[in-house]
Amino acid sequence: MNYVEQIKEAIKDKKLVVGTKSVMRSLKNKELSDIFMASNVDEKTKSSIEKYATISSTKIKMVSEDSVSLGTICKKPFSIVVCGLKVKK
């Protein structure tokens, strides 16, 4: 399953976390299984998310789309730099 399908399924199941702050909070609580980062994410955000993802052993996937396209995939009217999938229970 590719990342677009994963995001759409997460939207349907209400398991999508959108935004840097929300993703960081969920990462610290080990609530995420995957993280998707847009191609134009800034280095500071990227490095801090990678640090916490390594600690919580969460997979990071860099997508080829920019933040505007990622926002469209997530069905939001704004750009999204980072989104994550909550762990399925």
Protein backbone atom coordinates (compact mmCIF):
# COMPACT_ATOMS: atom_id res chain seq x y z
CA MET A 1 0.00 0.00 0.00
CA ASN A 2 1.46 3.38 -0.97
CA TYR A 3 1.44 6.42 1.29
CA VAL A 4 -1.53 8.10 -0.43
CA GLU A 5 -3.69 5.06 0.25
CA GLN A 6 -2.41 4.89 3.83
CA ILE A 7 -3.30 8.54 4.42
CA LYS A 8 -6.76 8.15 2.89
CA GLU A 9 -7.44 5.08 5.02
CA ALA A 10 -6.26 6.94 8.13
CA ILE A 11 -8.60 9.83 7.32
CA LYS A 12 -11.48 7.40 7.01
CA ASP A 13 -10.56 5.71 10.33
CA LYS A 14 -9.86 9.08 12.02
CA LYS A 15 -6.26 8.06 12.75
CA LEU A 16 -4.43 10.89 10.97
CA VAL A 17 -2.40 13.39 13.00
CA VAL A 18 -1.70 16.64 11.13
CA GLY A 19 0.85 19.31 11.91
CA THR A 20 4.28 19.52 13.46
CA LYS A 21 3.14 20.16 17.05
CA SER A 22 0.55 17.37 17.03
CA VAL A 23 2.97 14.91 15.43
CA MET A 24 5.69 15.78 17.97
CA ARG A 25 3.26 15.33 20.88
CA SER A 26 2.09 11.97 19.53
CA LEU A 27 5.69 10.90 18.87
CA LYS A 28 6.70 11.63 22.45
CA ASN A 29 3.76 9.50 23.63
CA LYS A 30 4.66 6.71 21.15
CA GLU A 31 1.24 6.88 19.48
CA LEU A 32 2.39 6.88 15.82
CA SER A 33 3.27 4.04 13.45
CA ASP A 34 4.33 6.13 10.41
CA ILE A 35 5.28 9.73 9.71
CA PHE A 36 5.06 11.42 6.31
CA MET A 37 7.11 14.55 5.63
CA ALA A 38 6.71 16.83 2.63
CA SER A 39 9.66 17.40 0.33
CA ASN A 40 10.00 21.03 1.43
CA VAL A 41 10.16 20.46 5.19
CA ASP A 42 12.74 22.69 6.87
CA GLU A 43 15.87 21.13 8.37
CA LYS A 44 15.10 22.08 11.99
CA THR A 45 11.71 20.38 11.90
CA LYS A 46 13.10 17.40 10.03
CA SER A 47 15.96 16.82 12.47
CA SER A 48 13.79 17.10 15.60
CA ILE A 49 11.19 14.71 14.21
CA GLU A 50 13.91 12.25 13.13
CA LYS A 51 15.39 12.39 16.64
CA TYR A 52 12.12 11.51 18.37
CA ALA A 53 11.16 8.98 15.68
CA THR A 54 14.41 7.12 16.29
CA ILE A 55 13.74 7.03 20.02
CA SER A 56 10.18 5.76 19.56
CA SER A 57 11.13 3.50 16.59
CA THR A 58 8.61 5.13 14.25
CA LYS A 59 9.04 4.91 10.48
CA ILE A 60 9.59 8.17 8.58
CA LYS A 61 8.72 8.45 4.92
CA MET A 62 9.79 11.44 2.85
CA VAL A 63 7.16 11.99 0.18
CA SER A 64 7.85 13.50 -3.23
CA GLU A 65 5.05 16.07 -2.89
CA ASP A 66 5.47 19.51 -1.40
CA SER A 67 3.42 20.75 1.57
CA VAL A 68 0.59 22.13 -0.58
CA SER A 69 0.10 18.79 -2.34
CA LEU A 70 0.32 16.90 0.96
CA GLY A 71 -2.43 19.16 2.32
CA THR A 72 -4.58 18.27 -0.69
CA ILE A 73 -3.95 14.55 -0.17
CA CYS A 74 -4.99 14.96 3.48
CA LYS A 75 -8.15 16.78 2.30
CA LYS A 76 -7.24 20.02 4.08
CA PRO A 77 -7.50 23.55 2.62
CA PHE A 78 -4.00 24.42 3.86
CA SER A 79 -0.47 23.16 3.42
CA ILE A 80 0.81 20.32 5.62
CA VAL A 81 4.50 19.72 6.20
CA VAL A 82 4.18 16.69 8.51
CA CYS A 83 1.46 14.15 9.21
CA GLY A 84 1.42 10.85 11.04
CA LEU A 85 -0.63 7.69 11.33
CA LYS A 86 -1.78 6.62 14.78
CA VAL A 87 -0.98 3.09 15.87
CA LYS A 88 -3.82 0.69 15.15
CA LYS A 89 -5.06 -0.93 18.33
